[in-house]
Amino acid sequence: MPKHDGYKFWREKLNECKYVLAPMVDASELPWRMLSRKYSSQLCYTPMMNAGVFVRDSTYRTENFVTCAEDRPLIAQFCSDDPELFTKAAQMIQDQCDAVDLNLGCPQNIARRGHYGAFLQEEWELIHKILSHAVENLKIPVTAKIRVFDDIGKTVEYAKMVASTGISILTVHGRTREQKGPNTGLASWKHIKAVKDSLKIPVFANGNILCFNDVIECMKETGCDGVMVAEPNLFNPALFSGLNPSTYDIAYEYMLFVEKYPCSYACIRGHLFKIFQKVFERHKEYREKMGKLRDIDEIKKCILEIKDVIIKEKEIDQQEKTDMNLSYWLCQSYIRPIQTTDTSKEREDLKKMVEERISEDASSPNALKRHIDELTSSLNETLDKNEKESVLKCAKIIERKKRKLEKIERKAKYFEEQEARRQDNKKDRYIPCGLCKNPKGEKCEFALCRKCCKNKVFTEMVDCKGHQLKYRIKKQSDEIKVEKT
């Protein structure tokens, strides 16, 4: 019998939650969770944390696991390929959350290099060890999040194996490990339904959600106990409320939560750029301005400026409808373009164009900038619409390469400075005592600290002028006094 009954935990601790905010690195941090809870997210996950780093690095723990009394129910997610480390990391925070989750769904290359996430899919024995060890040694329930295989039968067997470890909830992302980036495609609700029908624990569905109607449809079609949403929530945190609020209102509310629960500017920028994605497509000047701001008050001021511009446009009825038939200034999910044979061919053509444009010696950001300038200046020439679009896309790709090189250069410079500081510190470090780890006296004749020098002086009957210890001279003067008497 399982240590924790899954449905009892779901009903009593999680309040039969149906609307779930997914774990997202640099995205599901505390202020965003609090904003999402305000708009009907009933259960939230922390960003994915690396169990090994979490155990050994106190700074990493402080920066990545932040919560408060109102931030419940909460599930903390870790990635790991080590049963001991996963359990130890979970034990460090088990009194501050309601459950811990093992990430078995991350498909990114960093997960391949780190040997975690969806790249453990074939190692069923290892997964079983990690989860069963945690279930046995933790006070709180353990959950897991997986991706599917192409074959429904294999997916069901995989889910049964994971559930057999004693976990309380299983989240199923209906995409395979290969479905990511431009090849994301659609998630399979059939796979999720098959898993739900075969298990006796609560199952959350993940994938193919763009609006609240999709949430209802997903629960109806899969029979799942809840629906987890990731990327769509970043564009519209009010998705579970069935609302499409104004981007500027949501952005300002988020900044109020940031003031109350501070987080990194990387998180702040990431959220604002997603909230204002459609707005920045129309008002590019604010995209650049927002990217340079490093002060909360200045960011709030910029949001209010954007609000004023949009309100003026609304007054003169300059509203453009987006792909979801909504005004551009409303929060709405991002619709990924479907990859067809034509789009794949276009990507290959663009890749060739970029390679032709970038010379072999273009290994610095400045060299790439010259290529970007050349491309943009060519737009003034007589080009048809398709050619102009290709040139612009080519320029954007080169711009991304330029930013990547700049990031590499900044990193290299940072490590050089760190190394220089380490070398300086080595020079400035004290010279240790010859007998212990304390610093030696600067003028000590025996290169010892005062304590060791004092012992040496009294045991060997010598003097140290540096420490002003004159045992031998004192003894001689005492002997002379005795002789005179």
Protein backbone atom coordinates (compact mmCIF):
# COMPACT_ATOMS: atom_id res chain seq x y z
CA MET A 1 0.00 0.00 0.00
CA PRO A 2 1.39 3.49 -0.92
CA LYS A 3 2.77 5.63 1.90
CA HIS A 4 0.54 8.56 0.81
CA ASP A 5 -2.87 8.03 -0.78
CA GLY A 6 -2.84 10.09 -3.98
CA TYR A 7 -6.51 11.05 -4.06
CA LYS A 8 -6.61 11.80 -0.33
CA PHE A 9 -3.63 14.12 -0.77
CA TRP A 10 -5.23 15.75 -3.84
CA ARG A 11 -8.54 16.30 -2.04
CA GLU A 12 -7.34 17.34 1.42
CA LYS A 13 -4.01 19.11 0.86
CA LEU A 14 -4.42 20.37 -2.69
CA ASN A 15 -8.15 21.16 -2.35
CA GLU A 16 -9.03 19.14 -5.48
CA CYS A 17 -7.05 21.58 -7.61
CA LYS A 18 -7.82 21.56 -11.33
CA TYR A 19 -5.85 24.57 -12.56
CA VAL A 20 -2.10 24.09 -12.21
CA LEU A 21 0.81 26.45 -12.94
CA ALA A 22 3.73 24.47 -14.36
CA PRO A 23 7.36 24.56 -13.13
CA MET A 24 9.28 26.96 -15.42
CA VAL A 25 12.95 27.89 -15.06
CA ASP A 26 13.36 31.66 -14.49
CA ALA A 27 9.60 32.06 -14.90
CA SER A 28 7.52 30.49 -12.09
CA GLU A 29 9.27 32.48 -9.36
CA LEU A 30 7.37 33.75 -6.29
CA PRO A 31 5.95 37.08 -7.61
CA TRP A 32 4.68 35.36 -10.78
CA ARG A 33 3.14 32.54 -8.74
CA MET A 34 1.35 35.08 -6.56
CA LEU A 35 0.03 36.91 -9.64
CA SER A 36 -1.14 33.61 -11.15
CA ARG A 37 -2.86 32.61 -7.90
CA LYS A 38 -4.77 35.90 -7.98
CA TYR A 39 -6.14 34.84 -11.37
CA SER A 40 -7.33 31.33 -10.41
CA SER A 41 -4.19 29.17 -10.49
CA GLN A 42 -5.03 26.72 -7.69
CA LEU A 43 -1.68 24.89 -7.44
CA CYS A 44 1.77 26.22 -8.32
CA TYR A 45 5.14 24.59 -8.88
CA THR A 46 8.51 26.21 -8.20
CA PRO A 47 11.00 26.56 -11.06
CA MET A 48 12.98 23.37 -11.69
CA MET A 49 16.01 23.20 -9.37
CA ASN A 50 19.11 21.03 -9.71
CA ALA A 51 19.18 18.73 -6.66
CA GLY A 52 22.98 18.37 -6.59
CA VAL A 53 23.64 22.12 -6.71
CA PHE A 54 20.81 22.74 -4.24
CA VAL A 55 22.42 20.47 -1.65
CA ARG A 56 25.94 21.87 -1.88
CA ASP A 57 25.36 25.59 -2.63
CA SER A 58 23.59 27.74 -0.03
CA THR A 59 23.50 30.76 -2.38
CA TYR A 60 21.73 28.69 -5.04
CA ARG A 61 19.19 27.56 -2.41
CA THR A 62 18.52 31.11 -1.27
CA GLU A 63 18.09 32.44 -4.80
CA ASN A 64 16.00 29.60 -6.24
CA PHE A 65 13.69 28.53 -3.44
CA VAL A 66 11.71 31.50 -2.16
CA THR A 67 8.21 31.22 -0.77
CA CYS A 68 5.80 32.81 1.72
CA ALA A 69 2.80 31.83 3.85
CA GLU A 70 0.29 32.72 1.10
CA ASP A 71 2.18 30.64 -1.50
CA ARG A 72 0.29 27.38 -0.87
CA PRO A 73 -0.41 24.76 -2.03
CA LEU A 74 3.09 24.51 -3.49
CA ILE A 75 5.10 21.70 -5.08
CA ALA A 76 8.88 22.05 -5.42
CA GLN A 77 10.44 20.46 -8.50
CA PHE A 78 13.97 19.04 -8.77
CA CYS A 79 15.93 17.42 -11.55
CA SER A 80 18.36 14.66 -10.60
CA ASP A 81 19.83 11.32 -11.62
CA ASP A 82 20.94 10.43 -8.08
CA PRO A 83 18.51 8.89 -5.51
CA GLU A 84 20.49 10.17 -2.50
CA LEU A 85 20.85 13.74 -3.77
CA PHE A 86 17.20 14.02 -4.82
CA THR A 87 16.03 12.85 -1.40
CA LYS A 88 18.52 15.03 0.48
CA ALA A 89 17.52 18.15 -1.48
CA ALA A 90 13.83 17.41 -0.82
CA GLN A 91 14.46 16.87 2.91
CA MET A 92 15.95 20.37 3.15
CA ILE A 93 12.64 22.00 2.16
CA GLN A 94 9.97 19.40 2.97
CA ASP A 95 8.59 21.58 5.78
CA GLN A 96 8.10 24.53 3.39
CA CYS A 97 6.09 22.88 0.60
CA ASP A 98 3.32 20.31 0.14
CA ALA A 99 5.16 17.84 -2.13
CA VAL A 100 8.30 17.43 -4.23
CA ASP A 101 8.32 16.61 -7.93
CA LEU A 102 10.91 14.82 -10.07
CA ASN A 103 11.39 16.36 -13.51
CA LEU A 104 11.35 13.59 -16.12
CA GLY A 105 10.11 15.80 -18.94
CA CYS A 106 12.74 18.44 -19.76
CA PRO A 107 13.78 17.90 -23.42
CA GLN A 108 16.45 20.63 -23.67
CA ASN A 109 20.10 19.99 -24.51
CA ILE A 110 21.18 21.07 -21.03
CA ALA A 111 19.15 18.11 -19.69
CA ARG A 112 20.97 15.80 -22.10
CA ARG A 113 24.34 17.08 -20.86
CA GLY A 114 23.26 16.92 -17.21
CA HIS A 115 21.68 13.47 -17.60
CA TYR A 116 18.24 14.35 -16.23
CA GLY A 117 14.71 15.19 -17.37
CA ALA A 118 13.37 13.38 -20.44
CA PHE A 119 16.82 11.89 -21.08
CA LEU A 120 16.22 9.38 -18.29
CA GLN A 121 13.22 7.98 -20.20
CA GLU A 122 15.04 4.78 -21.18
CA GLU A 123 16.52 4.19 -17.70
CA TRP A 124 13.47 2.79 -15.92
CA GLU A 125 15.45 1.09 -13.16
CA LEU A 126 17.20 4.34 -12.23
CA ILE A 127 13.91 6.29 -12.24
CA HIS A 128 12.36 3.63 -9.99
CA LYS A 129 15.26 3.90 -7.53
CA ILE A 130 15.13 7.72 -7.39
CA LEU A 131 11.38 7.89 -6.77
CA SER A 132 11.00 4.90 -4.43
CA HIS A 133 13.95 6.09 -2.29
CA ALA A 134 12.33 9.53 -1.96
CA VAL A 135 8.89 8.08 -1.16
CA GLU A 136 10.39 5.95 1.63
CA ASN A 137 12.46 8.73 3.22
CA LEU A 138 10.32 11.86 2.93
CA LYS A 139 7.49 13.05 5.18
CA ILE A 140 5.64 14.65 2.27
CA PRO A 141 4.29 13.08 -0.96
CA VAL A 142 6.38 12.73 -4.11
CA THR A 143 5.10 13.46 -7.63
CA ALA A 144 6.57 13.22 -11.14
CA LYS A 145 6.21 14.82 -14.57
CA ILE A 146 6.86 12.79 -17.73
CA ARG A 147 6.72 13.04 -21.52
CA VAL A 148 5.20 10.39 -23.77
CA PHE A 149 6.71 7.90 -26.21
CA ASP A 150 5.47 7.67 -29.81
CA ASP A 151 3.79 4.36 -28.95
CA ILE A 152 0.76 4.62 -26.64
CA GLY A 153 1.35 1.13 -25.21
CA LYS A 154 4.93 1.91 -24.22
CA THR A 155 3.79 5.22 -22.71
CA VAL A 156 1.22 3.42 -20.54
CA GLU A 157 3.81 0.86 -19.35
CA TYR A 158 6.22 3.71 -18.56
CA ALA A 159 3.54 5.56 -16.57
CA LYS A 160 2.65 2.39 -14.65
CA MET A 161 6.31 1.85 -13.72
CA VAL A 162 6.58 5.45 -12.46
CA ALA A 163 3.33 5.14 -10.50
CA SER A 164 4.47 1.81 -8.94
CA THR A 165 7.14 3.69 -6.96
CA GLY A 166 4.44 5.07 -4.64
CA ILE A 167 4.17 8.60 -6.04
CA SER A 168 0.95 10.51 -5.35
CA ILE A 169 0.38 12.44 -8.62
CA LEU A 170 1.62 12.03 -12.20
CA THR A 171 1.69 14.87 -14.74
CA VAL A 172 1.78 13.80 -18.39
CA HIS A 173 3.01 16.17 -21.09
CA GLY A 174 1.49 14.82 -24.29
CA ARG A 175 4.57 15.49 -26.44
CA THR A 176 7.60 13.33 -27.10
CA ARG A 177 11.15 14.27 -26.18
CA GLU A 178 11.84 15.29 -29.78
CA GLN A 179 8.89 17.72 -29.91
CA LYS A 180 10.55 21.01 -28.97
CA GLY A 181 11.49 24.37 -30.47
CA PRO A 182 10.36 24.68 -34.10
CA ASN A 183 9.28 21.02 -34.04
CA THR A 184 6.97 21.40 -31.03
CA GLY A 185 3.82 20.39 -32.88
CA LEU A 186 0.65 19.25 -31.12
CA ALA A 187 0.43 17.27 -27.89
CA SER A 188 -1.43 13.96 -27.95
CA TRP A 189 -4.42 13.92 -25.62
CA LYS A 190 -4.97 10.27 -26.64
CA HIS A 191 -1.71 9.31 -24.90
CA ILE A 192 -2.75 11.24 -21.79
CA LYS A 193 -6.21 9.62 -21.74
CA ALA A 194 -4.66 6.15 -22.04
CA VAL A 195 -2.38 6.87 -19.06
CA LYS A 196 -5.26 8.28 -17.00
CA ASP A 197 -7.42 5.21 -17.70
CA SER A 198 -4.62 2.87 -16.57
CA LEU A 199 -3.66 4.52 -13.26
CA LYS A 200 -5.30 4.79 -9.84
CA ILE A 201 -3.66 8.06 -8.81
CA PRO A 202 -4.53 11.65 -9.86
CA VAL A 203 -3.20 12.58 -13.31
CA PHE A 204 -2.61 16.12 -14.61
CA ALA A 205 -2.65 16.80 -18.36
CA ASN A 206 -0.20 19.18 -20.03
CA GLY A 207 -0.17 20.44 -23.64
CA ASN A 208 -2.35 22.11 -26.32
CA ILE A 209 -3.80 24.82 -24.07
CA LEU A 210 -4.30 28.31 -25.52
CA CYS A 211 -7.41 29.53 -23.71
CA PHE A 212 -9.81 28.53 -20.91
CA ASN A 213 -12.08 26.65 -23.33
CA ASP A 214 -9.12 24.38 -24.11
CA VAL A 215 -8.78 23.62 -20.38
CA ILE A 216 -12.42 22.49 -20.19
CA GLU A 217 -12.09 20.49 -23.42
CA CYS A 218 -8.88 18.81 -22.24
CA MET A 219 -10.41 17.65 -18.95
CA LYS A 220 -13.48 16.41 -20.80
CA GLU A 221 -11.49 14.50 -23.44
CA THR A 222 -8.75 13.02 -21.23
CA GLY A 223 -10.71 12.56 -17.99
CA CYS A 224 -7.73 14.02 -16.07
CA ASP A 225 -8.03 15.48 -12.59
CA GLY A 226 -6.30 18.73 -13.49
CA VAL A 227 -4.66 20.68 -16.30
CA MET A 228 -1.15 22.09 -16.10
CA VAL A 229 -0.28 25.16 -18.16
CA ALA A 230 3.22 26.50 -18.86
CA GLU A 231 3.97 28.87 -21.76
CA PRO A 232 0.38 30.15 -22.31
CA ASN A 233 0.36 31.36 -18.70
CA LEU A 234 3.41 33.54 -19.40
CA PHE A 235 1.48 35.42 -22.10
CA ASN A 236 -1.79 35.49 -20.15
CA PRO A 237 -1.56 34.74 -16.39
CA ALA A 238 -5.36 35.16 -16.19
CA LEU A 239 -5.96 32.20 -18.53
CA PHE A 240 -7.56 30.03 -15.82
CA SER A 241 -10.01 32.87 -15.07
CA GLY A 242 -11.20 32.88 -18.67
CA LEU A 243 -10.10 36.51 -19.02
CA ASN A 244 -7.93 38.48 -21.43
CA PRO A 245 -6.97 41.53 -19.35
CA SER A 246 -5.03 44.52 -20.63
CA THR A 247 -1.31 43.86 -20.94
CA TYR A 248 -0.40 47.08 -19.16
CA ASP A 249 -2.65 46.30 -16.17
CA ILE A 250 -1.22 42.78 -15.77
CA ALA A 251 2.36 44.07 -16.16
CA TYR A 252 1.79 46.75 -13.51
CA GLU A 253 0.23 44.21 -11.11
CA TYR A 254 3.23 41.95 -11.61
CA MET A 255 5.59 44.81 -10.73
CA LEU A 256 3.65 45.42 -7.51
CA PHE A 257 4.24 41.78 -6.56
CA VAL A 258 7.93 42.19 -7.49
CA GLU A 259 8.17 45.12 -5.06
CA LYS A 260 6.75 42.88 -2.33
CA TYR A 261 8.72 39.75 -3.30
CA PRO A 262 11.94 40.84 -5.06
CA CYS A 263 13.37 38.67 -7.85
CA SER A 264 16.07 38.95 -10.52
CA TYR A 265 15.81 41.44 -13.39
CA ALA A 266 16.26 38.52 -15.79
CA CYS A 267 12.91 37.12 -14.58
CA ILE A 268 11.26 40.55 -14.72
CA ARG A 269 12.40 41.26 -18.28
CA GLY A 270 11.40 37.77 -19.44
CA HIS A 271 7.85 38.21 -18.14
CA LEU A 272 7.37 41.75 -19.44
CA PHE A 273 8.65 40.85 -22.91
CA LYS A 274 6.15 37.98 -23.11
CA ILE A 275 3.23 40.00 -21.74
CA PHE A 276 3.95 42.84 -24.19
CA GLN A 277 4.90 40.64 -27.16
CA LYS A 278 2.10 41.88 -29.43
CA VAL A 279 2.51 45.45 -28.15
CA PHE A 280 6.26 45.45 -28.88
CA GLU A 281 5.61 44.19 -32.43
CA ARG A 282 3.68 47.41 -32.99
CA HIS A 283 5.69 49.79 -30.75
CA LYS A 284 9.29 48.63 -31.20
CA GLU A 285 10.72 51.71 -29.46
CA TYR A 286 9.34 50.54 -26.11
CA ARG A 287 10.88 47.10 -26.54
CA GLU A 288 14.34 48.67 -26.72
CA LYS A 289 13.61 51.05 -23.85
CA MET A 290 12.26 48.31 -21.58
CA GLY A 291 15.30 46.12 -22.23
CA LYS A 292 17.65 48.79 -20.88
CA LEU A 293 15.80 49.59 -17.64
CA ARG A 294 17.24 48.34 -14.33
CA ASP A 295 15.03 50.15 -11.82
CA ILE A 296 11.58 49.03 -10.66
CA ASP A 297 10.18 52.57 -10.55
CA GLU A 298 11.47 53.27 -14.05
CA ILE A 299 9.92 50.04 -15.34
CA LYS A 300 6.55 50.99 -13.80
CA LYS A 301 6.84 54.41 -15.39
CA CYS A 302 7.52 52.81 -18.79
CA ILE A 303 4.46 50.56 -18.37
CA LEU A 304 2.29 53.63 -17.73
CA GLU A 305 3.74 55.29 -20.85
CA ILE A 306 2.76 52.23 -22.89
CA LYS A 307 -0.72 52.40 -21.35
CA ASP A 308 -1.13 56.06 -22.40
CA VAL A 309 -0.08 55.29 -25.98
CA ILE A 310 -2.52 52.37 -26.25
CA ILE A 311 -5.41 54.36 -24.75
CA LYS A 312 -4.85 57.11 -27.33
CA GLU A 313 -4.92 54.53 -30.11
CA LYS A 314 -8.11 53.01 -28.71
CA GLU A 315 -9.75 56.45 -28.75
CA ILE A 316 -9.09 56.89 -32.47
CA ASP A 317 -10.04 53.24 -33.10
CA GLN A 318 -6.70 52.03 -34.47
CA GLN A 319 -7.15 48.47 -33.23
CA GLU A 320 -5.59 45.56 -35.06
CA LYS A 321 -6.83 42.03 -34.48
CA THR A 322 -4.30 39.29 -33.73
CA ASP A 323 -4.30 35.57 -34.58
CA MET A 324 -6.76 34.93 -31.73
CA ASN A 325 -9.10 37.70 -33.00
CA LEU A 326 -8.22 39.87 -30.00
CA SER A 327 -6.95 43.42 -29.83
CA TYR A 328 -3.15 43.50 -29.67
CA TRP A 329 -3.13 45.19 -26.27
CA LEU A 330 -4.93 42.28 -24.55
CA CYS A 331 -3.13 39.35 -22.90
CA GLN A 332 -3.29 36.32 -25.20
CA SER A 333 -1.46 33.07 -25.80
CA TYR A 334 1.26 32.82 -28.40
CA ILE A 335 0.29 30.62 -31.35
CA ARG A 336 3.30 28.78 -32.73
CA PRO A 337 3.45 28.61 -36.53
CA ILE A 338 2.91 25.06 -37.76
CA GLN A 339 6.07 23.71 -39.36
CA THR A 340 5.39 22.50 -42.92
CA THR A 341 7.69 21.29 -45.69
CA ASP A 342 7.68 24.82 -47.11
CA THR A 343 8.69 26.43 -43.82
CA SER A 344 11.47 23.86 -43.33
CA LYS A 345 12.76 24.63 -46.83
CA GLU A 346 12.59 28.37 -46.05
CA ARG A 347 14.68 27.80 -42.88
CA GLU A 348 17.31 25.92 -44.91
CA ASP A 349 17.40 28.70 -47.52
CA LEU A 350 17.83 31.30 -44.79
CA LYS A 351 20.61 29.26 -43.22
CA LYS A 352 22.44 29.18 -46.56
CA MET A 353 21.92 32.91 -46.99
CA VAL A 354 23.36 33.59 -43.54
CA GLU A 355 26.39 31.40 -44.24
CA GLU A 356 26.96 33.22 -47.54
CA ARG A 357 26.65 36.63 -45.88
CA ILE A 358 28.92 35.88 -42.93
CA SER A 359 32.55 35.68 -43.96
CA GLU A 360 34.95 33.24 -42.31
CA ASP A 361 36.69 36.03 -40.40
CA ALA A 362 33.42 37.30 -38.90
CA SER A 363 34.18 35.95 -35.46
CA SER A 364 33.51 39.15 -33.51
CA PRO A 365 30.32 41.12 -32.76
CA ASN A 366 31.65 44.14 -34.68
CA ALA A 367 32.19 42.06 -37.81
CA LEU A 368 28.65 40.71 -37.56
CA LYS A 369 27.33 44.23 -37.03
CA ARG A 370 28.81 45.25 -40.40
CA HIS A 371 26.92 42.40 -42.07
CA ILE A 372 23.68 43.49 -40.37
CA ASP A 373 24.21 47.08 -41.58
CA GLU A 374 24.83 45.83 -45.10
CA LEU A 375 21.64 43.78 -45.03
CA THR A 376 19.45 46.57 -43.67
CA SER A 377 20.86 49.09 -46.16
CA SER A 378 19.99 46.67 -48.99
CA LEU A 379 16.31 47.09 -48.07
CA ASN A 380 16.40 50.52 -49.69
CA GLU A 381 17.18 48.92 -53.02
CA THR A 382 14.48 47.65 -55.37
CA LEU A 383 13.34 44.41 -53.77
CA ASP A 384 10.00 42.66 -53.89
CA LYS A 385 8.10 41.85 -50.68
CA ASN A 386 9.39 38.25 -50.35
CA GLU A 387 13.01 39.32 -50.87
CA LYS A 388 12.67 42.04 -48.23
CA GLU A 389 11.22 39.54 -45.74
CA SER A 390 14.10 37.13 -46.40
CA VAL A 391 16.68 39.87 -45.91
CA LEU A 392 15.04 40.95 -42.64
CA LYS A 393 14.94 37.37 -41.34
CA CYS A 394 18.56 36.92 -42.34
CA ALA A 395 19.49 40.11 -40.46
CA LYS A 396 17.63 38.87 -37.37
CA ILE A 397 19.50 35.55 -37.42
CA ILE A 398 22.84 37.35 -37.70
CA GLU A 399 21.76 39.69 -34.89
CA ARG A 400 21.13 36.64 -32.66
CA LYS A 401 24.57 35.28 -33.54
CA LYS A 402 26.03 38.69 -32.69
CA ARG A 403 24.32 38.71 -29.27
CA LYS A 404 25.57 35.18 -28.62
CA LEU A 405 29.15 36.21 -29.39
CA GLU A 406 28.79 39.26 -27.15
CA LYS A 407 27.56 37.00 -24.34
CA ILE A 408 30.54 34.65 -24.84
CA GLU A 409 32.93 37.63 -24.76
CA ARG A 410 31.31 38.99 -21.58
CA LYS A 411 31.59 35.58 -19.95
CA ALA A 412 35.24 35.24 -20.93
CA LYS A 413 35.97 38.72 -19.60
CA TYR A 414 34.17 37.92 -16.34
CA PHE A 415 36.21 34.74 -15.79
CA GLU A 416 39.43 36.62 -16.61
CA GLU A 417 38.57 39.25 -14.00
CA GLN A 418 37.70 36.54 -11.48
CA GLU A 419 41.03 34.81 -12.09
CA ALA A 420 42.91 38.13 -11.78
CA ARG A 421 41.16 38.78 -8.46
CA ARG A 422 42.09 35.31 -7.24
CA GLN A 423 45.72 35.89 -8.13
CA ASP A 424 45.67 39.26 -6.33
CA ASN A 425 44.15 37.64 -3.27
CA LYS A 426 46.89 35.03 -3.26
CA LYS A 427 49.49 37.79 -3.25
CA ASP A 428 47.77 39.62 -0.42
CA ARG A 429 47.25 36.53 1.74
CA TYR A 430 49.14 36.28 4.98
CA ILE A 431 52.08 33.93 5.43
CA PRO A 432 51.08 31.16 7.87
CA CYS A 433 52.90 30.33 11.05
CA GLY A 434 55.49 27.57 10.74
CA LEU A 435 53.69 25.41 13.35
CA CYS A 436 49.96 26.26 12.93
CA LYS A 437 47.53 27.95 10.51
CA ASN A 438 47.56 31.34 12.21
CA PRO A 439 49.39 34.24 10.51
CA LYS A 440 53.04 34.54 11.46
CA GLY A 441 54.29 37.67 13.18
CA GLU A 442 55.73 40.12 10.63
CA LYS A 443 58.88 40.71 12.72
CA CYS A 444 59.09 37.34 14.44
CA GLU A 445 62.65 35.97 14.31
CA PHE A 446 61.34 32.39 14.08
CA ALA A 447 58.49 33.00 11.54
CA LEU A 448 55.86 31.96 14.11
CA CYS A 449 52.60 33.38 15.46
CA ARG A 450 52.75 34.93 18.93
CA LYS A 451 51.35 31.84 20.70
CA CYS A 452 53.81 29.40 19.09
CA CYS A 453 56.66 31.89 19.52
CA LYS A 454 55.88 32.22 23.22
CA ASN A 455 56.02 28.43 23.67
CA LYS A 456 59.33 28.27 21.80
CA VAL A 457 60.89 31.10 23.86
CA PHE A 458 60.02 29.49 27.21
CA THR A 459 60.89 25.91 26.24
CA GLU A 460 64.18 26.70 24.47
CA MET A 461 65.13 29.73 26.63
CA VAL A 462 65.60 32.10 23.68
CA ASP A 463 64.43 35.66 22.92
CA CYS A 464 62.25 37.10 20.11
CA LYS A 465 62.66 40.83 19.62
CA GLY A 466 59.80 40.88 17.11
CA HIS A 467 57.27 39.72 19.69
CA GLN A 468 59.24 41.42 22.50
CA LEU A 469 59.64 38.14 24.37
CA LYS A 470 62.91 38.34 26.36
CA TYR A 471 63.06 35.18 28.43
CA ARG A 472 66.83 34.60 28.14
CA ILE A 473 67.72 38.21 28.98
CA LYS A 474 65.29 38.21 31.90
CA LYS A 475 66.72 34.94 33.23
CA GLN A 476 70.28 36.29 33.04
CA SER A 477 69.30 39.47 34.90
CA ASP A 478 67.56 37.36 37.58
CA GLU A 479 70.73 35.26 38.01
CA ILE A 480 72.89 38.39 38.40
CA LYS A 481 70.51 39.73 41.08
CA VAL A 482 70.73 36.40 42.96
CA GLU A 483 74.58 36.48 42.86
CA LYS A 484 74.67 40.05 44.21
CA THR A 485 72.44 39.13 47.13
